[in-house]
Protein backbone atom coordinates (compact mmCIF):
# COMPACT_ATOMS: atom_id res chain seq x y z
CA UNK A 1 53.47 -37.94 49.33
CA UNK A 2 52.74 -41.53 49.28
CA UNK A 3 49.24 -42.30 49.51
CA UNK A 4 48.12 -44.24 52.29
CA UNK A 5 46.42 -47.59 51.51
CA UNK A 6 43.13 -48.72 52.95
CA UNK A 7 42.89 -50.83 55.76
CA UNK A 8 41.30 -54.28 56.51
CA UNK A 9 38.61 -52.74 58.20
CA UNK A 10 37.86 -50.07 55.63
CA UNK A 11 37.86 -52.64 52.95
CA UNK A 12 35.09 -54.89 55.05
CA UNK A 13 33.35 -51.73 55.81
CA UNK A 14 32.80 -50.84 52.08
CA UNK A 15 32.31 -54.41 50.90
CA UNK A 16 29.39 -54.81 53.93
CA UNK A 17 28.12 -51.55 53.10
CA UNK A 18 27.87 -52.55 49.17
CA UNK A 19 26.51 -55.98 49.46
CA UNK A 20 24.34 -56.51 52.92
CA UNK A 21 23.07 -52.52 53.14
CA UNK A 22 22.45 -52.36 49.63
CA UNK A 23 20.63 -55.41 49.56
CA UNK A 24 18.61 -54.46 52.38
CA UNK A 25 17.53 -50.99 50.98
CA UNK A 26 16.66 -53.14 47.80
CA UNK A 27 14.30 -55.34 49.45
CA UNK A 28 12.72 -52.35 51.23
CA UNK A 29 11.95 -50.42 47.94
CA UNK A 30 10.60 -53.87 46.38
CA UNK A 31 8.32 -54.28 49.43
CA UNK A 32 7.15 -50.38 49.23
CA UNK A 33 6.66 -50.91 45.29
CA UNK A 34 4.28 -54.13 45.97
CA UNK A 35 2.39 -52.14 49.01
CA UNK A 36 1.93 -49.00 46.63
CA UNK A 37 1.08 -51.28 43.67
CA UNK A 38 -1.72 -53.04 45.48
CA UNK A 39 -3.07 -49.81 46.77
CA UNK A 40 -3.03 -48.58 43.09
CA UNK A 41 -4.76 -51.61 41.90
CA UNK A 42 -7.69 -51.14 44.52
CA UNK A 43 -7.92 -47.49 43.29
CA UNK A 44 -7.92 -48.59 39.48
CA UNK A 45 -10.82 -50.97 40.04
CA UNK A 46 -12.83 -48.66 42.25
CA UNK A 47 -12.47 -45.88 39.73
CA UNK A 48 -12.97 -48.38 36.85
CA UNK A 49 -9.63 -47.30 35.24
CA UNK A 50 -8.03 -50.50 35.20
CA UNK A 51 -5.35 -50.74 32.11
CA UNK A 52 -7.14 -54.15 30.75
CA UNK A 53 -5.85 -53.86 27.44
CA UNK A 54 -2.23 -53.67 28.48
CA UNK A 55 -3.11 -56.52 31.24
CA UNK A 56 -4.49 -58.92 28.44
CA UNK A 57 -1.10 -58.10 26.39
CA UNK A 58 1.00 -59.27 29.23
CA UNK A 59 -0.89 -62.23 29.84
CA UNK A 60 -0.78 -63.36 26.32
CA UNK A 61 2.82 -62.50 25.94
CA UNK A 62 3.68 -64.73 29.34
CA UNK A 63 1.52 -67.36 27.94
CA UNK A 64 3.27 -67.21 24.74
CA UNK A 65 7.25 -67.23 26.24
CA UNK A 66 6.32 -69.87 28.95
CA UNK A 67 3.92 -72.45 27.60
CA UNK A 68 6.08 -74.72 25.34
CA UNK A 69 9.12 -74.43 27.92
CA UNK A 70 7.00 -75.37 30.63
CA UNK A 71 5.71 -78.73 28.40
CA UNK A 72 9.45 -79.06 27.75
CA UNK A 73 10.51 -79.04 31.37
CA UNK A 74 7.64 -80.70 32.92
CA UNK A 75 7.94 -83.90 30.63
CA UNK A 76 11.62 -84.75 31.92
CA UNK A 77 10.53 -83.56 35.49
CA UNK A 78 7.77 -86.40 35.53
CA UNK A 79 10.10 -89.41 33.82
CA UNK A 80 13.08 -88.24 36.66
CA UNK A 81 10.72 -88.38 39.21
CA UNK A 82 9.15 -91.75 38.07
CA UNK A 83 12.53 -93.42 37.64
CA UNK A 84 14.05 -92.54 40.74
CA UNK A 85 11.00 -93.06 42.91
CA UNK A 86 10.60 -96.32 41.21
CA UNK A 87 13.93 -97.47 41.59
CA UNK A 88 13.56 -97.14 45.46
CA UNK A 89 10.21 -98.16 45.70
CA UNK A 90 11.35 -101.15 43.80
CA UNK A 91 13.95 -102.18 46.15
CA UNK A 92 11.38 -101.63 48.95
CA UNK A 93 8.92 -103.71 47.37
CA UNK A 94 6.40 -101.03 47.58
CA UNK A 95 5.97 -100.41 43.57
CA UNK A 96 2.26 -99.58 44.34
CA UNK A 97 3.10 -96.44 46.03
CA UNK A 98 4.57 -94.60 42.80
CA UNK A 99 1.84 -92.47 42.11
CA UNK A 100 1.47 -91.46 45.67
CA UNK A 101 5.30 -90.41 45.57
CA UNK A 102 5.55 -89.10 42.43
CA UNK A 103 2.50 -87.08 42.54
CA UNK A 104 3.36 -85.57 45.81
CA UNK A 105 6.66 -84.81 44.91
CA UNK A 106 5.59 -83.19 41.39
CA UNK A 107 2.61 -81.04 42.98
CA UNK A 108 4.41 -79.99 46.14
CA UNK A 109 7.64 -78.98 44.96
CA UNK A 110 8.56 -79.29 41.11
CA UNK A 111 5.35 -77.74 39.50
CA UNK A 112 5.58 -74.47 41.79
CA UNK A 113 9.58 -74.10 41.47
CA UNK A 114 9.22 -74.86 37.70
CA UNK A 115 6.55 -71.93 37.19
CA UNK A 116 8.68 -69.71 39.27
CA UNK A 117 11.85 -70.18 37.10
CA UNK A 118 10.28 -70.07 33.93
CA UNK A 119 8.46 -66.82 34.85
CA UNK A 120 11.49 -65.39 36.54
CA UNK A 121 13.64 -66.29 33.52
CA UNK A 122 11.43 -65.45 30.57
CA UNK A 123 8.60 -63.10 31.98
CA UNK A 124 10.45 -61.08 34.61
CA UNK A 125 13.56 -60.34 32.23
CA UNK A 126 11.45 -59.09 29.76
CA UNK A 127 9.69 -56.95 32.15
CA UNK A 128 13.12 -55.61 33.25
CA UNK A 129 14.23 -54.99 29.73
CA UNK A 130 10.86 -53.38 28.79
CA UNK A 131 10.98 -50.80 31.73
CA UNK A 132 14.48 -50.46 31.92
CA UNK A 133 14.28 -49.35 28.32
CA UNK A 134 11.68 -46.97 28.84
CA UNK A 135 13.22 -45.72 31.75
CA UNK A 136 16.51 -45.07 30.12
CA UNK A 137 14.31 -43.13 27.38
CA UNK A 138 12.86 -41.07 29.70
CA UNK A 139 9.38 -42.10 29.07
CA UNK A 140 8.59 -42.58 32.62
CA UNK A 141 9.58 -39.24 33.40
CA UNK A 142 7.32 -38.28 31.11
CA UNK A 143 4.37 -40.14 32.17
CA UNK A 144 5.20 -38.49 35.58
CA UNK A 145 5.17 -34.96 33.94
CA UNK A 146 2.00 -35.59 32.37
CA UNK A 147 0.21 -36.83 35.57
CA UNK A 148 0.35 -40.72 34.71
CA UNK A 149 1.48 -42.62 37.67
CA UNK A 150 4.01 -45.53 36.14
CA UNK A 151 2.73 -47.86 38.97
CA UNK A 152 -0.88 -47.82 37.74
CA UNK A 153 -0.01 -47.71 33.77
CA UNK A 154 3.02 -50.30 33.65
CA UNK A 155 3.29 -52.26 37.03
CA UNK A 156 -0.17 -52.93 38.17
CA UNK A 157 -1.11 -54.93 34.57
CA UNK A 158 2.43 -57.08 35.00
CA UNK A 159 1.71 -57.76 38.67
CA UNK A 160 -2.16 -58.64 37.49
CA UNK A 161 -0.84 -60.87 34.54
CA UNK A 162 1.77 -62.61 36.88
CA UNK A 163 -1.21 -63.74 39.17
CA UNK A 164 -3.24 -64.89 36.49
CA UNK A 165 -0.43 -66.74 34.49
CA UNK A 166 1.39 -68.25 37.34
CA UNK A 167 -1.34 -70.72 38.69
CA UNK A 168 -2.24 -71.57 34.90
CA UNK A 169 1.21 -72.44 34.51
CA UNK A 170 1.72 -74.34 37.33
CA UNK A 171 -1.61 -76.59 36.33
CA UNK A 172 -0.09 -77.37 32.98
CA UNK A 173 3.37 -78.40 34.20
CA UNK A 174 1.57 -80.60 36.88
CA UNK A 175 -0.66 -82.07 34.31
CA UNK A 176 2.11 -82.79 32.22
CA UNK A 177 4.60 -84.10 34.74
CA UNK A 178 2.28 -86.23 36.33
CA UNK A 179 1.01 -87.87 33.08
CA UNK A 180 4.79 -88.55 32.24
CA UNK A 181 5.30 -90.21 35.31
CA UNK A 182 2.28 -92.33 34.82
CA UNK A 183 3.40 -93.48 31.48
CA UNK A 184 6.86 -94.23 32.88
CA UNK A 185 5.58 -96.22 35.94
CA UNK A 186 2.72 -98.02 33.72
CA UNK A 187 4.94 -98.66 30.76
CA UNK A 188 8.50 -99.40 31.79
CA UNK A 189 8.36 -100.30 35.52
CA UNK A 190 5.51 -102.83 35.88
CA UNK A 191 3.23 -100.67 37.83
CA UNK A 192 -0.70 -101.31 37.36
CA UNK A 193 -2.88 -98.21 36.27
CA UNK A 194 -4.97 -98.67 39.07
CA UNK A 195 -2.41 -98.95 41.50
CA UNK A 196 -1.03 -95.79 40.59
CA UNK A 197 -4.01 -93.39 40.32
CA UNK A 198 -5.50 -95.23 43.56
CA UNK A 199 -2.31 -94.21 45.56
CA UNK A 200 -2.34 -90.88 44.00
CA UNK A 201 -5.60 -90.31 44.93
CA UNK A 202 -5.35 -91.44 48.28
CA UNK A 203 -2.30 -89.45 49.47
CA UNK A 204 -2.53 -86.28 47.34
CA UNK A 205 -5.15 -83.86 49.22
CA UNK A 206 -7.10 -81.14 47.70
CA UNK A 207 -4.99 -78.72 50.27
CA UNK A 208 -1.68 -80.06 48.38
CA UNK A 209 -3.26 -78.47 45.08
CA UNK A 210 -4.32 -75.37 46.73
CA UNK A 211 -1.21 -74.68 48.35
CA UNK A 212 0.75 -75.55 45.11
CA UNK A 213 -1.06 -72.80 43.25
CA UNK A 214 -0.58 -70.46 46.28
CA UNK A 215 3.06 -70.90 45.96
CA UNK A 216 2.75 -70.08 42.08
CA UNK A 217 1.03 -66.90 42.86
CA UNK A 218 4.00 -65.84 45.21
CA UNK A 219 6.42 -66.71 42.93
CA UNK A 220 4.50 -64.59 40.16
CA UNK A 221 4.25 -61.66 42.47
CA UNK A 222 7.90 -62.08 43.24
CA UNK A 223 9.05 -62.09 39.55
CA UNK A 224 6.61 -59.07 38.67
CA UNK A 225 7.73 -57.05 41.55
CA UNK A 226 11.59 -57.72 41.24
CA UNK A 227 11.21 -57.04 37.24
CA UNK A 228 9.60 -53.98 37.44
CA UNK A 229 11.48 -52.49 40.29
CA UNK A 230 14.71 -53.11 38.65
CA UNK A 231 13.40 -51.91 35.12
CA UNK A 232 12.14 -48.43 36.65
CA UNK A 233 15.23 -48.06 38.64
CA UNK A 234 17.70 -48.68 35.60
CA UNK A 235 19.96 -46.17 34.61
CA UNK A 236 23.47 -45.68 32.66
CA UNK A 237 22.16 -46.45 29.24
CA UNK A 238 22.08 -49.75 27.63
CA UNK A 239 24.51 -51.13 30.29
CA UNK A 240 22.01 -50.28 32.77
CA UNK A 241 19.29 -52.12 30.96
CA UNK A 242 21.74 -55.41 30.86
CA UNK A 243 22.53 -55.15 34.73
CA UNK A 244 18.60 -54.58 35.63
CA UNK A 245 17.91 -57.70 33.45
CA UNK A 246 20.50 -59.73 35.02
CA UNK A 247 19.65 -58.79 38.61
CA UNK A 248 16.06 -59.41 38.18
CA UNK A 249 16.83 -63.04 36.90
CA UNK A 250 19.18 -64.01 39.66
CA UNK A 251 17.20 -62.05 42.65
CA UNK A 252 13.85 -63.95 41.32
CA UNK A 253 15.85 -67.36 41.43
CA UNK A 254 17.39 -66.75 44.67
CA UNK A 255 14.02 -65.45 46.21
CA UNK A 256 11.91 -68.35 44.78
CA UNK A 257 14.14 -71.01 46.42
CA UNK A 258 14.24 -69.36 49.82
CA UNK A 259 10.49 -68.67 49.80
CA UNK A 260 10.10 -72.14 48.61
CA UNK A 261 12.21 -73.34 51.64
CA UNK A 262 10.47 -71.59 54.01
CA UNK A 263 6.77 -72.21 52.72
CA UNK A 264 7.91 -76.21 52.70
CA UNK A 265 8.66 -76.07 56.54
CA UNK A 266 5.83 -74.12 57.12
CA UNK A 267 3.58 -76.62 55.28
CA UNK A 268 5.02 -79.54 57.05
CA UNK A 269 4.69 -77.79 60.54
CA UNK A 270 0.75 -76.90 59.97
CA UNK A 271 -0.53 -79.51 57.26
CA UNK A 272 1.78 -82.78 57.68
CA UNK A 273 1.14 -85.17 55.14
CA UNK A 274 -1.66 -87.55 55.68
CA UNK A 275 -4.10 -89.80 53.98
CA UNK A 276 -6.66 -87.82 51.69
């Protein structure tokens, strides 16, 4: 007997379930892992059993894989910002505002996004690969058999490390990018050093810096939770680990841009730009 072909509605329903519904379920599991990790963190701190050694190791690893790329990214960021902003201001006859425009664009947008992308591409992928390999080798199952919660032993140290490294990397990128923009503006565009730093200080508020650091911490939380979740849920051998790493990088990048868009709109509504 000839087999019946699936209807268009059936194909649409299957694709909808595979994409939208599974995405919602994944988001729910990630949120659940974040809440449980925060609870585990509080318990470890109160009971004085926080995995400091693993936390320090993860901090050093994240710093080692993001510092040099962060500097190499920050320099072009600063130069491009200075050139683009300088050309526009030159046409408007307002070259004195180069410091304000470059500084605000770097602090508010470029630095947090670069921080999130670096952590997502380097740190989160390594977290997913490490935990995915442990899951495939059934190490996490062995931990549970011995009464060790993988959240306390594996997830909490990586979440703490991301919270610590993200603001540090954000500050590094900001400093390098602003100095690069200053060198281009003062050396190639004829902007006086005093004018650059005067407008930079007049328009850049301490609130902008704190908001930038806050966004970096949020991005660090995103990459840590996604990396740990995809790694602990890996299955299917080495192919499963590769899929976990790929999903971690893609999801991290997408969420970073979405959260940055929402955050930028909220900042514009509640903290509009004004003279510092």
